[in-house]
Amino acid sequence: MASQPLRIVFVPTELRGSGFFELMVSNLVFWGNEGIRGGSIKRFPEVVVLNSVGRRHVLDVLDTDEEAEERAAVIEGDLQILDIGEWCERYSVPLSFAEEHG
């Protein structure tokens, strides 16, 4: 059973403001891909893991909030049943990240 210094978090879709820097980055990343709509930059839902010192590691980026919620539940379930080394290997998380303490 994995220890619980790690926490799985689902980060829902949100629209961010249209600051100059965000628009420049969006143009570089989403050029011709409708990354900007109505002056905002779309951010896709993520599943992240937080370690005991509050650092985050993105595990997955999905298309919808529903997919991200489902994926987070699966990953959380694996965290409960696998030992930490197995879990880190399965989700490509450095063991040093998981074992980091403040």
PDB file of N, CA and C in Angstrom:
ATOM      1  N   MET A   1       0.849  -1.186   0.000  1.00  0.00           N
ATOM      2  CA  MET A   1       0.000   0.000   0.000  1.00  0.00           C
ATOM      3  C   MET A   1       0.885   1.237   0.000  1.00  0.00           C
ATOM      4  N   ALA A   2       0.595   2.181  -0.862  1.00  0.00           N
ATOM      5  CA  ALA A   2       1.395   3.392  -0.992  1.00  0.00           C
ATOM      6  C   ALA A   2       1.152   4.317   0.191  1.00  0.00           C
ATOM      7  N   SER A   3       2.219   5.005   0.618  1.00  0.00           N
ATOM      8  CA  SER A   3       2.040   6.016   1.644  1.00  0.00           C
ATOM      9  C   SER A   3       1.309   7.203   1.024  1.00  0.00           C
ATOM     10  N   GLN A   4       0.844   8.125   1.833  1.00  0.00           N
ATOM     11  CA  GLN A   4       0.010   9.193   1.295  1.00  0.00           C
ATOM     12  C   GLN A   4       0.637  10.585   1.284  1.00  0.00           C
ATOM     13  N   PRO A   5       1.950  10.720   1.042  1.00  0.00           N
ATOM     14  CA  PRO A   5       2.449  12.077   0.870  1.00  0.00           C
ATOM     15  C   PRO A   5       2.076  12.629  -0.507  1.00  0.00           C
ATOM     16  N   LEU A   6       1.575  11.777  -1.385  1.00  0.00           N
ATOM     17  CA  LEU A   6       1.175  12.204  -2.727  1.00  0.00           C
ATOM     18  C   LEU A   6      -0.328  12.397  -2.780  1.00  0.00           C
ATOM     19  N   ARG A   7      -0.738  13.399  -3.551  1.00  0.00           N
ATOM     20  CA  ARG A   7      -2.164  13.664  -3.712  1.00  0.00           C
ATOM     21  C   ARG A   7      -2.458  13.858  -5.193  1.00  0.00           C
ATOM     22  N   ILE A   8      -3.459  13.151  -5.699  1.00  0.00           N
ATOM     23  CA  ILE A   8      -3.867  13.256  -7.095  1.00  0.00           C
ATOM     24  C   ILE A   8      -4.935  14.348  -7.181  1.00  0.00           C
ATOM     25  N   VAL A   9      -4.760  15.259  -8.140  1.00  0.00           N
ATOM     26  CA  VAL A   9      -5.674  16.389  -8.276  1.00  0.00           C
ATOM     27  C   VAL A   9      -6.116  16.510  -9.733  1.00  0.00           C
ATOM     28  N   PHE A  10      -7.389  16.723  -9.920  1.00  0.00           N
ATOM     29  CA  PHE A  10      -7.963  17.007 -11.238  1.00  0.00           C
ATOM     30  C   PHE A  10      -8.085  18.520 -11.353  1.00  0.00           C
ATOM     31  N   VAL A  11      -7.465  19.100 -12.375  1.00  0.00           N
ATOM     32  CA  VAL A  11      -7.512  20.546 -12.606  1.00  0.00           C
ATOM     33  C   VAL A  11      -8.436  20.783 -13.795  1.00  0.00           C
ATOM     34  N   PRO A  12      -9.637  21.336 -13.556  1.00  0.00           N
ATOM     35  CA  PRO A  12     -10.614  21.491 -14.632  1.00  0.00           C
ATOM     36  C   PRO A  12     -10.217  22.532 -15.671  1.00  0.00           C
ATOM     37  N   THR A  13     -10.906  22.490 -16.795  1.00  0.00           N
ATOM     38  CA  THR A  13     -10.723  23.470 -17.859  1.00  0.00           C
ATOM     39  C   THR A  13     -11.069  24.841 -17.340  1.00  0.00           C
ATOM     40  N   GLU A  14     -10.305  25.821 -17.779  1.00  0.00           N
ATOM     41  CA  GLU A  14     -10.648  27.203 -17.442  1.00  0.00           C
ATOM     42  C   GLU A  14     -10.157  28.085 -18.574  1.00  0.00           C
ATOM     43  N   LEU A  15     -10.753  29.244 -18.662  1.00  0.00           N
ATOM     44  CA  LEU A  15     -10.313  30.218 -19.649  1.00  0.00           C
ATOM     45  C   LEU A  15      -9.527  31.292 -18.923  1.00  0.00           C
ATOM     46  N   ARG A  16      -8.375  31.645 -19.472  1.00  0.00           N
ATOM     47  CA  ARG A  16      -7.550  32.670 -18.859  1.00  0.00           C
ATOM     48  C   ARG A  16      -7.653  33.956 -19.664  1.00  0.00           C
ATOM     49  N   GLY A  17      -7.286  35.043 -19.038  1.00  0.00           N
ATOM     50  CA  GLY A  17      -7.317  36.352 -19.678  1.00  0.00           C
ATOM     51  C   GLY A  17      -6.400  36.423 -20.881  1.00  0.00           C
ATOM     52  N   SER A  18      -6.550  37.469 -21.639  1.00  0.00           N
ATOM     53  CA  SER A  18      -5.811  37.593 -22.888  1.00  0.00           C
ATOM     54  C   SER A  18      -4.658  38.567 -22.754  1.00  0.00           C
ATOM     55  N   GLY A  19      -3.799  38.384 -21.757  1.00  0.00           N
ATOM     56  CA  GLY A  19      -2.618  39.226 -21.609  1.00  0.00           C
ATOM     57  C   GLY A  19      -1.678  39.059 -22.791  1.00  0.00           C
ATOM     58  N   PHE A  20      -0.823  40.038 -22.993  1.00  0.00           N
ATOM     59  CA  PHE A  20       0.086  40.023 -24.140  1.00  0.00           C
ATOM     60  C   PHE A  20       0.937  38.766 -24.164  1.00  0.00           C
ATOM     61  N   PHE A  21       1.559  38.429 -23.021  1.00  0.00           N
ATOM     62  CA  PHE A  21       2.416  37.258 -22.973  1.00  0.00           C
ATOM     63  C   PHE A  21       1.637  35.986 -23.306  1.00  0.00           C
ATOM     64  N   GLU A  22       0.442  35.836 -22.725  1.00  0.00           N
ATOM     65  CA  GLU A  22      -0.377  34.645 -22.987  1.00  0.00           C
ATOM     66  C   GLU A  22      -0.743  34.545 -24.459  1.00  0.00           C
ATOM     67  N   LEU A  23      -1.060  35.688 -25.084  1.00  0.00           N
ATOM     68  CA  LEU A  23      -1.392  35.669 -26.506  1.00  0.00           C
ATOM     69  C   LEU A  23      -0.179  35.283 -27.346  1.00  0.00           C
ATOM     70  N   MET A  24       0.998  35.790 -26.991  1.00  0.00           N
ATOM     71  CA  MET A  24       2.213  35.443 -27.734  1.00  0.00           C
ATOM     72  C   MET A  24       2.498  33.945 -27.619  1.00  0.00           C
ATOM     73  N   VAL A  25       2.415  33.405 -26.407  1.00  0.00           N
ATOM     74  CA  VAL A  25       2.646  31.974 -26.214  1.00  0.00           C
ATOM     75  C   VAL A  25       1.597  31.175 -26.962  1.00  0.00           C
ATOM     76  N   SER A  26       0.354  31.612 -26.879  1.00  0.00           N
ATOM     77  CA  SER A  26      -0.714  30.904 -27.569  1.00  0.00           C
ATOM     78  C   SER A  26      -0.476  30.890 -29.071  1.00  0.00           C
ATOM     79  N   ASN A  27      -0.037  32.006 -29.620  1.00  0.00           N
ATOM     80  CA  ASN A  27       0.231  32.057 -31.057  1.00  0.00           C
ATOM     81  C   ASN A  27       1.352  31.110 -31.440  1.00  0.00           C
ATOM     82  N   LEU A  28       2.329  30.950 -30.585  1.00  0.00           N
ATOM     83  CA  LEU A  28       3.427  30.027 -30.881  1.00  0.00           C
ATOM     84  C   LEU A  28       2.973  28.576 -30.784  1.00  0.00           C
ATOM     85  N   VAL A  29       2.188  28.282 -29.755  1.00  0.00           N
ATOM     86  CA  VAL A  29       1.785  26.900 -29.499  1.00  0.00           C
ATOM     87  C   VAL A  29       0.588  26.477 -30.345  1.00  0.00           C
ATOM     88  N   PHE A  30      -0.381  27.369 -30.516  1.00  0.00           N
ATOM     89  CA  PHE A  30      -1.639  27.002 -31.157  1.00  0.00           C
ATOM     90  C   PHE A  30      -1.812  27.649 -32.524  1.00  0.00           C
ATOM     91  N   TRP A  31      -0.760  28.059 -33.171  1.00  0.00           N
ATOM     92  CA  TRP A  31      -0.874  28.752 -34.454  1.00  0.00           C
ATOM     93  C   TRP A  31      -1.746  27.955 -35.406  1.00  0.00           C
ATOM     94  N   GLY A  32      -2.861  28.526 -35.814  1.00  0.00           N
ATOM     95  CA  GLY A  32      -3.765  27.856 -36.748  1.00  0.00           C
ATOM     96  C   GLY A  32      -4.577  26.740 -36.135  1.00  0.00           C
ATOM     97  N   ASN A  33      -4.578  26.620 -34.821  1.00  0.00           N
ATOM     98  CA  ASN A  33      -5.274  25.516 -34.164  1.00  0.00           C
ATOM     99  C   ASN A  33      -6.391  26.018 -33.259  1.00  0.00           C
ATOM    100  N   GLU A  34      -6.881  27.224 -33.512  1.00  0.00           N
ATOM    101  CA  GLU A  34      -7.967  27.828 -32.747  1.00  0.00           C
ATOM    102  C   GLU A  34      -7.700  27.844 -31.249  1.00  0.00           C
ATOM    103  N   GLY A  35      -6.465  28.113 -30.872  1.00  0.00           N
ATOM    104  CA  GLY A  35      -6.114  28.199 -29.453  1.00  0.00           C
ATOM    105  C   GLY A  35      -6.702  29.427 -28.791  1.00  0.00           C
ATOM    106  N   ILE A  36      -6.980  30.461 -29.581  1.00  0.00           N
ATOM    107  CA  ILE A  36      -7.557  31.682 -29.015  1.00  0.00           C
ATOM    108  C   ILE A  36      -8.990  31.801 -29.494  1.00  0.00           C
ATOM    109  N   ARG A  37      -9.890  31.979 -28.538  1.00  0.00           N
ATOM    110  CA  ARG A  37     -11.303  32.182 -28.871  1.00  0.00           C
ATOM    111  C   ARG A  37     -11.814  33.312 -28.014  1.00  0.00           C
ATOM    112  N   GLY A  38     -12.339  34.329 -28.657  1.00  0.00           N
ATOM    113  CA  GLY A  38     -12.926  35.433 -27.906  1.00  0.00           C
ATOM    114  C   GLY A  38     -11.941  36.134 -26.992  1.00  0.00           C
ATOM    115  N   GLY A  39     -10.663  36.183 -27.364  1.00  0.00           N
ATOM    116  CA  GLY A  39      -9.674  36.881 -26.559  1.00  0.00           C
ATOM    117  C   GLY A  39      -9.186  36.089 -25.363  1.00  0.00           C
ATOM    118  N   SER A  40      -9.485  34.815 -25.266  1.00  0.00           N
ATOM    119  CA  SER A  40      -9.033  33.991 -24.160  1.00  0.00           C
ATOM    120  C   SER A  40      -8.242  32.802 -24.685  1.00  0.00           C
ATOM    121  N   ILE A  41      -7.464  32.224 -23.804  1.00  0.00           N
ATOM    122  CA  ILE A  41      -6.676  31.046 -24.148  1.00  0.00           C
ATOM    123  C   ILE A  41      -7.300  29.856 -23.436  1.00  0.00           C
ATOM    124  N   LYS A  42      -7.653  28.826 -24.191  1.00  0.00           N
ATOM    125  CA  LYS A  42      -8.260  27.641 -23.594  1.00  0.00           C
ATOM    126  C   LYS A  42      -7.182  26.801 -22.946  1.00  0.00           C
ATOM    127  N   ARG A  43      -7.459  26.356 -21.758  1.00  0.00           N
ATOM    128  CA  ARG A  43      -6.558  25.467 -21.056  1.00  0.00           C
ATOM    129  C   ARG A  43      -7.253  24.132 -20.890  1.00  0.00           C
ATOM    130  N   PHE A  44      -6.602  23.065 -21.258  1.00  0.00           N
ATOM    131  CA  PHE A  44      -7.209  21.749 -21.181  1.00  0.00           C
ATOM    132  C   PHE A  44      -7.111  21.192 -19.765  1.00  0.00           C
ATOM    133  N   PRO A  45      -8.051  20.324 -19.384  1.00  0.00           N
ATOM    134  CA  PRO A  45      -8.027  19.746 -18.033  1.00  0.00           C
ATOM    135  C   PRO A  45      -6.814  18.843 -17.851  1.00  0.00           C
ATOM    136  N   GLU A  46      -6.280  18.866 -16.637  1.00  0.00           N
ATOM    137  CA  GLU A  46      -5.089  18.084 -16.311  1.00  0.00           C
ATOM    138  C   GLU A  46      -5.351  17.198 -15.109  1.00  0.00           C
ATOM    139  N   VAL A  47      -4.561  16.136 -15.030  1.00  0.00           N
ATOM    140  CA  VAL A  47      -4.474  15.339 -13.819  1.00  0.00           C
ATOM    141  C   VAL A  47      -3.037  15.521 -13.343  1.00  0.00           C
ATOM    142  N   VAL A  48      -2.883  16.000 -12.107  1.00  0.00           N
ATOM    143  CA  VAL A  48      -1.554  16.246 -11.560  1.00  0.00           C
ATOM    144  C   VAL A  48      -1.398  15.513 -10.239  1.00  0.00           C
ATOM    145  N   VAL A  49      -0.144  15.284  -9.875  1.00  0.00           N
ATOM    146  CA  VAL A  49       0.161  14.740  -8.562  1.00  0.00           C
ATOM    147  C   VAL A  49       0.935  15.814  -7.811  1.00  0.00           C
ATOM    148  N   LEU A  50       0.549  16.026  -6.562  1.00  0.00           N
ATOM    149  CA  LEU A  50       1.236  16.963  -5.673  1.00  0.00           C
ATOM    150  C   LEU A  50       2.019  16.153  -4.657  1.00  0.00           C
ATOM    151  N   ASN A  51       3.280  16.540  -4.424  1.00  0.00           N
ATOM    152  CA  ASN A  51       4.043  15.829  -3.412  1.00  0.00           C
ATOM    153  C   ASN A  51       3.930  16.523  -2.066  1.00  0.00           C
ATOM    154  N   SER A  52       4.642  16.023  -1.069  1.00  0.00           N
ATOM    155  CA  SER A  52       4.476  16.531   0.299  1.00  0.00           C
ATOM    156  C   SER A  52       4.972  17.957   0.486  1.00  0.00           C
ATOM    157  N   VAL A  53       5.777  18.482  -0.453  1.00  0.00           N
ATOM    158  CA  VAL A  53       6.223  19.870  -0.347  1.00  0.00           C
ATOM    159  C   VAL A  53       5.448  20.795  -1.280  1.00  0.00           C
ATOM    160  N   GLY A  54       4.392  20.273  -1.903  1.00  0.00           N
ATOM    161  CA  GLY A  54       3.518  21.087  -2.735  1.00  0.00           C
ATOM    162  C   GLY A  54       3.939  21.231  -4.185  1.00  0.00           C
ATOM    163  N   ARG A  55       5.004  20.546  -4.580  1.00  0.00           N
ATOM    164  CA  ARG A  55       5.377  20.586  -5.999  1.00  0.00           C
ATOM    165  C   ARG A  55       4.405  19.742  -6.789  1.00  0.00           C
ATOM    166  N   ARG A  56       4.198  20.125  -8.048  1.00  0.00           N
ATOM    167  CA  ARG A  56       3.257  19.384  -8.889  1.00  0.00           C
ATOM    168  C   ARG A  56       3.967  18.783 -10.081  1.00  0.00           C
ATOM    169  N   HIS A  57       3.409  17.665 -10.528  1.00  0.00           N
ATOM    170  CA  HIS A  57       3.907  16.948 -11.697  1.00  0.00           C
ATOM    171  C   HIS A  57       2.683  16.569 -12.521  1.00  0.00           C
ATOM    172  N   VAL A  58       2.631  17.025 -13.768  1.00  0.00           N
ATOM    173  CA  VAL A  58       1.480  16.733 -14.626  1.00  0.00           C
ATOM    174  C   VAL A  58       1.553  15.276 -15.081  1.00  0.00           C
ATOM    175  N   LEU A  59       0.474  14.552 -14.828  1.00  0.00           N
ATOM    176  CA  LEU A  59       0.394  13.142 -15.220  1.00  0.00           C
ATOM    177  C   LEU A  59      -0.284  12.967 -16.567  1.00  0.00           C
ATOM    178  N   ASP A  60      -1.289  13.786 -16.844  1.00  0.00           N
ATOM    179  CA  ASP A  60      -2.049  13.634 -18.078  1.00  0.00           C
ATOM    180  C   ASP A  60      -2.791  14.929 -18.389  1.00  0.00           C
ATOM    181  N   VAL A  61      -2.960  15.204 -19.675  1.00  0.00           N
ATOM    182  CA  VAL A  61      -3.760  16.324 -20.155  1.00  0.00           C
ATOM    183  C   VAL A  61      -4.813  15.722 -21.068  1.00  0.00           C
ATOM    184  N   LEU A  62      -6.081  16.038 -20.799  1.00  0.00           N
ATOM    185  CA  LEU A  62      -7.167  15.403 -21.534  1.00  0.00           C
ATOM    186  C   LEU A  62      -8.029  16.431 -22.244  1.00  0.00           C
ATOM    187  N   ASP A  63      -8.990  15.943 -23.003  1.00  0.00           N
ATOM    188  CA  ASP A  63      -9.844  16.829 -23.783  1.00  0.00           C
ATOM    189  C   ASP A  63     -11.019  17.399 -22.996  1.00  0.00           C
ATOM    190  N   THR A  64     -11.561  16.624 -22.054  1.00  0.00           N
ATOM    191  CA  THR A  64     -12.742  17.079 -21.322  1.00  0.00           C
ATOM    192  C   THR A  64     -12.545  16.911 -19.815  1.00  0.00           C
ATOM    193  N   ASP A  65     -13.313  17.682 -19.058  1.00  0.00           N
ATOM    194  CA  ASP A  65     -13.277  17.558 -17.606  1.00  0.00           C
ATOM    195  C   ASP A  65     -13.686  16.156 -17.165  1.00  0.00           C
ATOM    196  N   GLU A  66     -14.680  15.587 -17.845  1.00  0.00           N
ATOM    197  CA  GLU A  66     -15.161  14.257 -17.480  1.00  0.00           C
ATOM    198  C   GLU A  66     -14.060  13.210 -17.644  1.00  0.00           C
ATOM    199  N   GLU A  67     -13.328  13.281 -18.759  1.00  0.00           N
ATOM    200  CA  GLU A  67     -12.220  12.341 -18.978  1.00  0.00           C
ATOM    201  C   GLU A  67     -11.148  12.514 -17.902  1.00  0.00           C
ATOM    202  N   ALA A  68     -10.862  13.752 -17.543  1.00  0.00           N
ATOM    203  CA  ALA A  68      -9.842  14.019 -16.534  1.00  0.00           C
ATOM    204  C   ALA A  68     -10.273  13.504 -15.168  1.00  0.00           C
ATOM    205  N   GLU A  69     -11.537  13.687 -14.821  1.00  0.00           N
ATOM    206  CA  GLU A  69     -12.040  13.175 -13.538  1.00  0.00           C
ATOM    207  C   GLU A  69     -11.936  11.657 -13.474  1.00  0.00           C
ATOM    208  N   GLU A  70     -12.322  10.990 -14.558  1.00  0.00           N
ATOM    209  CA  GLU A  70     -12.235   9.532 -14.605  1.00  0.00           C
ATOM    210  C   GLU A  70     -10.789   9.061 -14.510  1.00  0.00           C
ATOM    211  N   ARG A  71      -9.901   9.731 -15.224  1.00  0.00           N
ATOM    212  CA  ARG A  71      -8.484   9.360 -15.211  1.00  0.00           C
ATOM    213  C   ARG A  71      -7.893   9.572 -13.821  1.00  0.00           C
ATOM    214  N   ALA A  72      -8.258  10.669 -13.167  1.00  0.00           N
ATOM    215  CA  ALA A  72      -7.768  10.932 -11.816  1.00  0.00           C
ATOM    216  C   ALA A  72      -8.205   9.838 -10.851  1.00  0.00           C
ATOM    217  N   ALA A  73      -9.430   9.356 -10.997  1.00  0.00           N
ATOM    218  CA  ALA A  73      -9.935   8.296 -10.123  1.00  0.00           C
ATOM    219  C   ALA A  73      -9.140   7.004 -10.317  1.00  0.00           C
ATOM    220  N   VAL A  74      -8.819   6.676 -11.564  1.00  0.00           N
ATOM    221  CA  VAL A  74      -8.029   5.469 -11.848  1.00  0.00           C
ATOM    222  C   VAL A  74      -6.634   5.601 -11.233  1.00  0.00           C
ATOM    223  N   ILE A  75      -6.007   6.748 -11.435  1.00  0.00           N
ATOM    224  CA  ILE A  75      -4.653   6.972 -10.923  1.00  0.00           C
ATOM    225  C   ILE A  75      -4.653   6.942  -9.399  1.00  0.00           C
ATOM    226  N   GLU A  76      -5.664   7.549  -8.780  1.00  0.00           N
ATOM    227  CA  GLU A  76      -5.798   7.523  -7.321  1.00  0.00           C
ATOM    228  C   GLU A  76      -5.959   6.095  -6.813  1.00  0.00           C
ATOM    229  N   GLY A  77      -6.750   5.298  -7.517  1.00  0.00           N
ATOM    230  CA  GLY A  77      -6.923   3.899  -7.137  1.00  0.00           C
ATOM    231  C   GLY A  77      -5.617   3.126  -7.198  1.00  0.00           C
ATOM    232  N   ASP A  78      -4.837   3.373  -8.242  1.00  0.00           N
ATOM    233  CA  ASP A  78      -3.531   2.723  -8.354  1.00  0.00           C
ATOM    234  C   ASP A  78      -2.597   3.156  -7.230  1.00  0.00           C
ATOM    235  N   LEU A  79      -2.678   4.416  -6.832  1.00  0.00           N
ATOM    236  CA  LEU A  79      -1.849   4.912  -5.729  1.00  0.00           C
ATOM    237  C   LEU A  79      -2.179   4.173  -4.432  1.00  0.00           C
ATOM    238  N   GLN A  80      -3.440   3.778  -4.278  1.00  0.00           N
ATOM    239  CA  GLN A  80      -3.864   3.068  -3.075  1.00  0.00           C
ATOM    240  C   GLN A  80      -3.383   1.615  -3.046  1.00  0.00           C
ATOM    241  N   ILE A  81      -3.266   0.991  -4.218  1.00  0.00           N
ATOM    242  CA  ILE A  81      -2.960  -0.448  -4.220  1.00  0.00           C
ATOM    243  C   ILE A  81      -1.517  -0.798  -4.577  1.00  0.00           C
ATOM    244  N   LEU A  82      -0.811   0.075  -5.269  1.00  0.00           N
ATOM    245  CA  LEU A  82       0.573  -0.206  -5.663  1.00  0.00           C
ATOM    246  C   LEU A  82       1.540   0.363  -4.637  1.00  0.00           C
ATOM    247  N   ASP A  83       2.731  -0.256  -4.542  1.00  0.00           N
ATOM    248  CA  ASP A  83       3.733   0.409  -3.706  1.00  0.00           C
ATOM    249  C   ASP A  83       4.264   1.599  -4.491  1.00  0.00           C
ATOM    250  N   ILE A  84       4.911   2.522  -3.797  1.00  0.00           N
ATOM    251  CA  ILE A  84       5.270   3.797  -4.396  1.00  0.00           C
ATOM    252  C   ILE A  84       6.196   3.645  -5.598  1.00  0.00           C
ATOM    253  N   GLY A  85       7.113   2.699  -5.550  1.00  0.00           N
ATOM    254  CA  GLY A  85       8.019   2.465  -6.673  1.00  0.00           C
ATOM    255  C   GLY A  85       7.283   1.993  -7.919  1.00  0.00           C
ATOM    256  N   GLU A  86       6.352   1.060  -7.736  1.00  0.00           N
ATOM    257  CA  GLU A  86       5.551   0.567  -8.864  1.00  0.00           C
ATOM    258  C   GLU A  86       4.690   1.684  -9.449  1.00  0.00           C
ATOM    259  N   TRP A  87       4.088   2.466  -8.546  1.00  0.00           N
ATOM    260  CA  TRP A  87       3.220   3.543  -9.004  1.00  0.00           C
ATOM    261  C   TRP A  87       4.024   4.564  -9.810  1.00  0.00           C
ATOM    262  N   CYS A  88       5.184   4.953  -9.292  1.00  0.00           N
ATOM    263  CA  CYS A  88       6.038   5.928  -9.996  1.00  0.00           C
ATOM    264  C   CYS A  88       6.457   5.399 -11.360  1.00  0.00           C
ATOM    265  N   GLU A  89       6.798   4.132 -11.431  1.00  0.00           N
ATOM    266  CA  GLU A  89       7.192   3.546 -12.711  1.00  0.00           C
ATOM    267  C   GLU A  89       6.025   3.547 -13.694  1.00  0.00           C
ATOM    268  N   ARG A  90       4.846   3.162 -13.227  1.00  0.00           N
ATOM    269  CA  ARG A  90       3.670   3.113 -14.096  1.00  0.00           C
ATOM    270  C   ARG A  90       3.330   4.483 -14.672  1.00  0.00           C
ATOM    271  N   TYR A  91       3.476   5.547 -13.874  1.00  0.00           N
ATOM    272  CA  TYR A  91       3.060   6.883 -14.299  1.00  0.00           C
ATOM    273  C   TYR A  91       4.235   7.808 -14.647  1.00  0.00           C
ATOM    274  N   SER A  92       5.419   7.236 -14.798  1.00  0.00           N
ATOM    275  CA  SER A  92       6.620   7.991 -15.191  1.00  0.00           C
ATOM    276  C   SER A  92       6.876   9.200 -14.289  1.00  0.00           C
ATOM    277  N   VAL A  93       6.776   8.959 -12.998  1.00  0.00           N
ATOM    278  CA  VAL A  93       7.053   9.986 -11.998  1.00  0.00           C
ATOM    279  C   VAL A  93       8.375   9.617 -11.328  1.00  0.00           C
ATOM    280  N   PRO A  94       9.323  10.542 -11.284  1.00  0.00           N
ATOM    281  CA  PRO A  94      10.587  10.220 -10.614  1.00  0.00           C
ATOM    282  C   PRO A  94      10.351   9.869  -9.140  1.00  0.00           C
ATOM    283  N   LEU A  95      10.970   8.808  -8.683  1.00  0.00           N
ATOM    284  CA  LEU A  95      10.828   8.394  -7.287  1.00  0.00           C
ATOM    285  C   LEU A  95      11.286   9.509  -6.353  1.00  0.00           C
ATOM    286  N   SER A  96      12.290  10.264  -6.758  1.00  0.00           N
ATOM    287  CA  SER A  96      12.772  11.377  -5.933  1.00  0.00           C
ATOM    288  C   SER A  96      11.680  12.425  -5.721  1.00  0.00           C
ATOM    289  N   PHE A  97      10.818  12.640  -6.721  1.00  0.00           N
ATOM    290  CA  PHE A  97       9.681  13.546  -6.576  1.00  0.00           C
ATOM    291  C   PHE A  97       8.728  13.015  -5.512  1.00  0.00           C
ATOM    292  N   ALA A  98       8.423  11.729  -5.580  1.00  0.00           N
ATOM    293  CA  ALA A  98       7.475  11.126  -4.646  1.00  0.00           C
ATOM    294  C   ALA A  98       7.996  11.102  -3.214  1.00  0.00           C
ATOM    295  N   GLU A  99       9.315  10.978  -3.063  1.00  0.00           N
ATOM    296  CA  GLU A  99       9.899  10.862  -1.728  1.00  0.00           C
ATOM    297  C   GLU A  99      10.382  12.193  -1.168  1.00  0.00           C
ATOM    298  N   GLU A 100      10.215  13.276  -1.906  1.00  0.00           N
ATOM    299  CA  GLU A 100      10.682  14.587  -1.473  1.00  0.00           C
ATOM    300  C   GLU A 100       9.921  15.036  -0.224  1.00  0.00           C
ATOM    301  N   HIS A 101      10.663  15.489   0.768  1.00  0.00           N
ATOM    302  CA  HIS A 101      10.055  15.960   2.017  1.00  0.00           C
ATOM    303  C   HIS A 101      10.617  17.323   2.361  1.00  0.00           C
ATOM    304  N   GLY A 102       9.788  18.152   3.007  1.00  0.00           N
ATOM    305  CA  GLY A 102      10.193  19.505   3.354  1.00  0.00           C
ATOM    306  C   GLY A 102      10.942  19.613   4.636  1.00  0.00           C
TER     307      GLY A 102
END
